[in-house]
Amino acid sequence: MADLAALAADTNLSSNQPNTAPGCMSEPNDSDCVGIMNALGLAFNGAAAQQQTFFNVE
């Protein structure tokens, strides 16, 4: 199951980093993507990959 709440849990969807595309567009230095990439378990912006929280099995 994909958990959309877990995907956005650590992301403020009502704000946008200045001088970047709206939301997370996976630009390397876009801080709007940090929480989303962490939830997907992907390395991003110098941070190592971690265990994903977006998918789970029930």
PDB file of N, CA and C in Angstrom:
ATOM      1  N   MET A   1       0.841  -1.163   0.000  1.00  0.00           N
ATOM      2  CA  MET A   1       0.000   0.000   0.000  1.00  0.00           C
ATOM      3  C   MET A   1       0.895   1.239   0.000  1.00  0.00           C
ATOM      4  N   ALA A   2       0.521   2.232  -0.759  1.00  0.00           N
ATOM      5  CA  ALA A   2       1.235   3.516  -0.772  1.00  0.00           C
ATOM      6  C   ALA A   2       0.565   4.440   0.236  1.00  0.00           C
ATOM      7  N   ASP A   3       1.356   5.026   1.118  1.00  0.00           N
ATOM      8  CA  ASP A   3       0.837   5.876   2.186  1.00  0.00           C
ATOM      9  C   ASP A   3       1.154   7.344   1.880  1.00  0.00           C
ATOM     10  N   LEU A   4       0.191   8.054   1.289  1.00  0.00           N
ATOM     11  CA  LEU A   4       0.410   9.450   0.912  1.00  0.00           C
ATOM     12  C   LEU A   4       0.661  10.345   2.117  1.00  0.00           C
ATOM     13  N   ALA A   5       0.073  10.031   3.260  1.00  0.00           N
ATOM     14  CA  ALA A   5       0.316  10.816   4.476  1.00  0.00           C
ATOM     15  C   ALA A   5       1.774  10.687   4.903  1.00  0.00           C
ATOM     16  N   ALA A   6       2.338   9.490   4.797  1.00  0.00           N
ATOM     17  CA  ALA A   6       3.750   9.291   5.137  1.00  0.00           C
ATOM     18  C   ALA A   6       4.657  10.021   4.145  1.00  0.00           C
ATOM     19  N   LEU A   7       4.246  10.076   2.877  1.00  0.00           N
ATOM     20  CA  LEU A   7       5.042  10.754   1.859  1.00  0.00           C
ATOM     21  C   LEU A   7       5.195  12.240   2.170  1.00  0.00           C
ATOM     22  N   ALA A   8       4.143  12.864   2.644  1.00  0.00           N
ATOM     23  CA  ALA A   8       4.159  14.311   2.883  1.00  0.00           C
ATOM     24  C   ALA A   8       4.312  14.687   4.351  1.00  0.00           C
ATOM     25  N   ALA A   9       4.508  13.725   5.222  1.00  0.00           N
ATOM     26  CA  ALA A   9       4.526  13.988   6.667  1.00  0.00           C
ATOM     27  C   ALA A   9       5.572  15.020   7.085  1.00  0.00           C
ATOM     28  N   ASP A  10       6.734  15.006   6.475  1.00  0.00           N
ATOM     29  CA  ASP A  10       7.810  15.922   6.865  1.00  0.00           C
ATOM     30  C   ASP A  10       8.015  17.036   5.837  1.00  0.00           C
ATOM     31  N   THR A  11       6.962  17.365   5.097  1.00  0.00           N
ATOM     32  CA  THR A  11       7.031  18.373   4.046  1.00  0.00           C
ATOM     33  C   THR A  11       5.933  19.395   4.242  1.00  0.00           C
ATOM     34  N   ASN A  12       6.273  20.671   4.208  1.00  0.00           N
ATOM     35  CA  ASN A  12       5.275  21.741   4.289  1.00  0.00           C
ATOM     36  C   ASN A  12       4.773  22.017   2.878  1.00  0.00           C
ATOM     37  N   LEU A  13       3.610  21.491   2.545  1.00  0.00           N
ATOM     38  CA  LEU A  13       3.074  21.616   1.198  1.00  0.00           C
ATOM     39  C   LEU A  13       2.536  23.013   0.880  1.00  0.00           C
ATOM     40  N   SER A  14       2.449  23.878   1.880  1.00  0.00           N
ATOM     41  CA  SER A  14       1.905  25.219   1.642  1.00  0.00           C
ATOM     42  C   SER A  14       3.007  26.261   1.427  1.00  0.00           C
ATOM     43  N   SER A  15       4.267  25.851   1.414  1.00  0.00           N
ATOM     44  CA  SER A  15       5.347  26.807   1.172  1.00  0.00           C
ATOM     45  C   SER A  15       6.225  26.308   0.031  1.00  0.00           C
ATOM     46  N   ASN A  16       7.031  27.214  -0.505  1.00  0.00           N
ATOM     47  CA  ASN A  16       7.933  26.859  -1.593  1.00  0.00           C
ATOM     48  C   ASN A  16       9.256  27.588  -1.402  1.00  0.00           C
ATOM     49  N   GLN A  17      10.357  26.887  -1.589  1.00  0.00           N
ATOM     50  CA  GLN A  17      11.670  27.511  -1.516  1.00  0.00           C
ATOM     51  C   GLN A  17      11.765  28.549  -2.628  1.00  0.00           C
ATOM     52  N   PRO A  18      12.186  29.769  -2.310  1.00  0.00           N
ATOM     53  CA  PRO A  18      12.301  30.813  -3.342  1.00  0.00           C
ATOM     54  C   PRO A  18      13.241  30.406  -4.479  1.00  0.00           C
ATOM     55  N   ASN A  19      12.926  30.883  -5.660  1.00  0.00           N
ATOM     56  CA  ASN A  19      13.729  30.666  -6.870  1.00  0.00           C
ATOM     57  C   ASN A  19      13.819  29.212  -7.294  1.00  0.00           C
ATOM     58  N   THR A  20      12.801  28.421  -6.963  1.00  0.00           N
ATOM     59  CA  THR A  20      12.729  27.028  -7.428  1.00  0.00           C
ATOM     60  C   THR A  20      11.344  26.808  -8.008  1.00  0.00           C
ATOM     61  N   ALA A  21      11.201  25.729  -8.733  1.00  0.00           N
ATOM     62  CA  ALA A  21       9.893  25.358  -9.275  1.00  0.00           C
ATOM     63  C   ALA A  21       8.925  25.094  -8.124  1.00  0.00           C
ATOM     64  N   PRO A  22       7.625  25.273  -8.342  1.00  0.00           N
ATOM     65  CA  PRO A  22       6.647  25.000  -7.272  1.00  0.00           C
ATOM     66  C   PRO A  22       6.708  23.545  -6.811  1.00  0.00           C
ATOM     67  N   GLY A  23       6.692  23.354  -5.514  1.00  0.00           N
ATOM     68  CA  GLY A  23       6.707  22.005  -4.951  1.00  0.00           C
ATOM     69  C   GLY A  23       8.038  21.325  -5.141  1.00  0.00           C
ATOM     70  N   CYS A  24       8.035  20.022  -5.063  1.00  0.00           N
ATOM     71  CA  CYS A  24       9.257  19.228  -5.236  1.00  0.00           C
ATOM     72  C   CYS A  24       9.342  18.747  -6.676  1.00  0.00           C
ATOM     73  N   MET A  25      10.324  19.250  -7.384  1.00  0.00           N
ATOM     74  CA  MET A  25      10.562  18.811  -8.762  1.00  0.00           C
ATOM     75  C   MET A  25      11.910  18.099  -8.869  1.00  0.00           C
ATOM     76  N   SER A  26      12.421  17.650  -7.732  1.00  0.00           N
ATOM     77  CA  SER A  26      13.659  16.861  -7.639  1.00  0.00           C
ATOM     78  C   SER A  26      14.915  17.632  -8.024  1.00  0.00           C
ATOM     79  N   GLU A  27      14.869  18.960  -7.970  1.00  0.00           N
ATOM     80  CA  GLU A  27      16.087  19.734  -8.201  1.00  0.00           C
ATOM     81  C   GLU A  27      17.056  19.434  -7.059  1.00  0.00           C
ATOM     82  N   PRO A  28      18.336  19.255  -7.352  1.00  0.00           N
ATOM     83  CA  PRO A  28      19.295  18.809  -6.331  1.00  0.00           C
ATOM     84  C   PRO A  28      19.352  19.649  -5.060  1.00  0.00           C
ATOM     85  N   ASN A  29      19.117  20.936  -5.129  1.00  0.00           N
ATOM     86  CA  ASN A  29      19.225  21.789  -3.941  1.00  0.00           C
ATOM     87  C   ASN A  29      17.875  22.305  -3.456  1.00  0.00           C
ATOM     88  N   ASP A  30      16.796  21.675  -3.852  1.00  0.00           N
ATOM     89  CA  ASP A  30      15.451  22.124  -3.489  1.00  0.00           C
ATOM     90  C   ASP A  30      15.040  21.537  -2.139  1.00  0.00           C
ATOM     91  N   SER A  31      14.989  22.373  -1.117  1.00  0.00           N
ATOM     92  CA  SER A  31      14.646  21.878   0.223  1.00  0.00           C
ATOM     93  C   SER A  31      13.206  21.396   0.320  1.00  0.00           C
ATOM     94  N   ASP A  32      12.368  21.728  -0.661  1.00  0.00           N
ATOM     95  CA  ASP A  32      10.995  21.224  -0.663  1.00  0.00           C
ATOM     96  C   ASP A  32      10.949  19.708  -0.851  1.00  0.00           C
ATOM     97  N   CYS A  33      12.040  19.128  -1.312  1.00  0.00           N
ATOM     98  CA  CYS A  33      12.077  17.689  -1.609  1.00  0.00           C
ATOM     99  C   CYS A  33      12.614  16.819  -0.478  1.00  0.00           C
ATOM    100  N   VAL A  34      13.217  17.395   0.529  1.00  0.00           N
ATOM    101  CA  VAL A  34      13.909  16.605   1.554  1.00  0.00           C
ATOM    102  C   VAL A  34      12.987  15.579   2.209  1.00  0.00           C
ATOM    103  N   GLY A  35      11.829  15.988   2.710  1.00  0.00           N
ATOM    104  CA  GLY A  35      10.910  15.062   3.368  1.00  0.00           C
ATOM    105  C   GLY A  35      10.384  13.992   2.438  1.00  0.00           C
ATOM    106  N   ILE A  36      10.092  14.378   1.204  1.00  0.00           N
ATOM    107  CA  ILE A  36       9.566  13.421   0.224  1.00  0.00           C
ATOM    108  C   ILE A  36      10.624  12.382  -0.136  1.00  0.00           C
ATOM    109  N   MET A  37      11.840  12.833  -0.390  1.00  0.00           N
ATOM    110  CA  MET A  37      12.902  11.887  -0.727  1.00  0.00           C
ATOM    111  C   MET A  37      13.216  10.966   0.447  1.00  0.00           C
ATOM    112  N   ASN A  38      13.170  11.483   1.670  1.00  0.00           N
ATOM    113  CA  ASN A  38      13.373  10.635   2.846  1.00  0.00           C
ATOM    114  C   ASN A  38      12.284   9.570   2.924  1.00  0.00           C
ATOM    115  N   ALA A  39      11.032   9.956   2.690  1.00  0.00           N
ATOM    116  CA  ALA A  39       9.931   8.990   2.747  1.00  0.00           C
ATOM    117  C   ALA A  39      10.080   7.910   1.681  1.00  0.00           C
ATOM    118  N   LEU A  40      10.659   8.267   0.545  1.00  0.00           N
ATOM    119  CA  LEU A  40      10.888   7.291  -0.520  1.00  0.00           C
ATOM    120  C   LEU A  40      12.159   6.472  -0.298  1.00  0.00           C
ATOM    121  N   GLY A  41      12.950   6.862   0.704  1.00  0.00           N
ATOM    122  CA  GLY A  41      14.175   6.131   1.017  1.00  0.00           C
ATOM    123  C   GLY A  41      15.316   6.449   0.073  1.00  0.00           C
ATOM    124  N   LEU A  42      15.275   7.606  -0.566  1.00  0.00           N
ATOM    125  CA  LEU A  42      16.288   7.972  -1.551  1.00  0.00           C
ATOM    126  C   LEU A  42      17.323   8.936  -0.976  1.00  0.00           C
ATOM    127  N   ALA A  43      18.569   8.772  -1.379  1.00  0.00           N
ATOM    128  CA  ALA A  43      19.612   9.740  -1.025  1.00  0.00           C
ATOM    129  C   ALA A  43      19.278  11.039  -1.733  1.00  0.00           C
ATOM    130  N   PHE A  44      19.471  12.173  -1.044  1.00  0.00           N
ATOM    131  CA  PHE A  44      19.128  13.455  -1.661  1.00  0.00           C
ATOM    132  C   PHE A  44      19.893  14.581  -0.991  1.00  0.00           C
ATOM    133  N   ASN A  45      20.418  15.486  -1.801  1.00  0.00           N
ATOM    134  CA  ASN A  45      21.045  16.719  -1.337  1.00  0.00           C
ATOM    135  C   ASN A  45      22.121  16.455  -0.276  1.00  0.00           C
ATOM    136  N   GLY A  46      22.934  15.443  -0.508  1.00  0.00           N
ATOM    137  CA  GLY A  46      24.030  15.125   0.395  1.00  0.00           C
ATOM    138  C   GLY A  46      23.679  14.199   1.548  1.00  0.00           C
ATOM    139  N   ALA A  47      22.406  13.944   1.767  1.00  0.00           N
ATOM    140  CA  ALA A  47      21.979  13.033   2.835  1.00  0.00           C
ATOM    141  C   ALA A  47      21.944  11.599   2.300  1.00  0.00           C
ATOM    142  N   ALA A  48      22.357  10.664   3.111  1.00  0.00           N
ATOM    143  CA  ALA A  48      22.359   9.255   2.719  1.00  0.00           C
ATOM    144  C   ALA A  48      20.935   8.714   2.634  1.00  0.00           C
ATOM    145  N   ALA A  49      20.769   7.679   1.851  1.00  0.00           N
ATOM    146  CA  ALA A  49      19.477   6.998   1.763  1.00  0.00           C
ATOM    147  C   ALA A  49      19.141   6.400   3.122  1.00  0.00           C
ATOM    148  N   GLN A  50      17.870   6.325   3.429  1.00  0.00           N
ATOM    149  CA  GLN A  50      17.420   5.712   4.677  1.00  0.00           C
ATOM    150  C   GLN A  50      16.242   4.799   4.367  1.00  0.00           C
ATOM    151  N   GLN A  51      15.733   4.130   5.372  1.00  0.00           N
ATOM    152  CA  GLN A  51      14.615   3.212   5.151  1.00  0.00           C
ATOM    153  C   GLN A  51      13.381   3.998   4.720  1.00  0.00           C
ATOM    154  N   GLN A  52      12.749   3.554   3.660  1.00  0.00           N
ATOM    155  CA  GLN A  52      11.564   4.237   3.151  1.00  0.00           C
ATOM    156  C   GLN A  52      10.356   4.009   4.053  1.00  0.00           C
ATOM    157  N   THR A  53       9.417   4.961   4.049  1.00  0.00           N
ATOM    158  CA  THR A  53       8.196   4.840   4.847  1.00  0.00           C
ATOM    159  C   THR A  53       6.940   4.980   3.988  1.00  0.00           C
ATOM    160  N   PHE A  54       7.112   5.114   2.666  1.00  0.00           N
ATOM    161  CA  PHE A  54       5.983   5.368   1.767  1.00  0.00           C
ATOM    162  C   PHE A  54       5.181   4.112   1.458  1.00  0.00           C
ATOM    163  N   PHE A  55       5.844   2.979   1.261  1.00  0.00           N
ATOM    164  CA  PHE A  55       5.165   1.729   0.932  1.00  0.00           C
ATOM    165  C   PHE A  55       5.160   0.802   2.136  1.00  0.00           C
ATOM    166  N   ASN A  56       4.047   0.087   2.326  1.00  0.00           N
ATOM    167  CA  ASN A  56       3.995  -0.927   3.362  1.00  0.00           C
ATOM    168  C   ASN A  56       3.064  -2.046   2.933  1.00  0.00           C
ATOM    169  N   VAL A  57       3.180  -3.182   3.588  1.00  0.00           N
ATOM    170  CA  VAL A  57       2.365  -4.357   3.283  1.00  0.00           C
ATOM    171  C   VAL A  57       1.474  -4.627   4.472  1.00  0.00           C
ATOM    172  N   GLU A  58       0.231  -4.809   4.192  1.00  0.00           N
ATOM    173  CA  GLU A  58      -0.728  -5.114   5.271  1.00  0.00           C
ATOM    174  C   GLU A  58      -1.252  -6.518   5.138  1.00  0.00           C
TER     175      GLU A  58
END
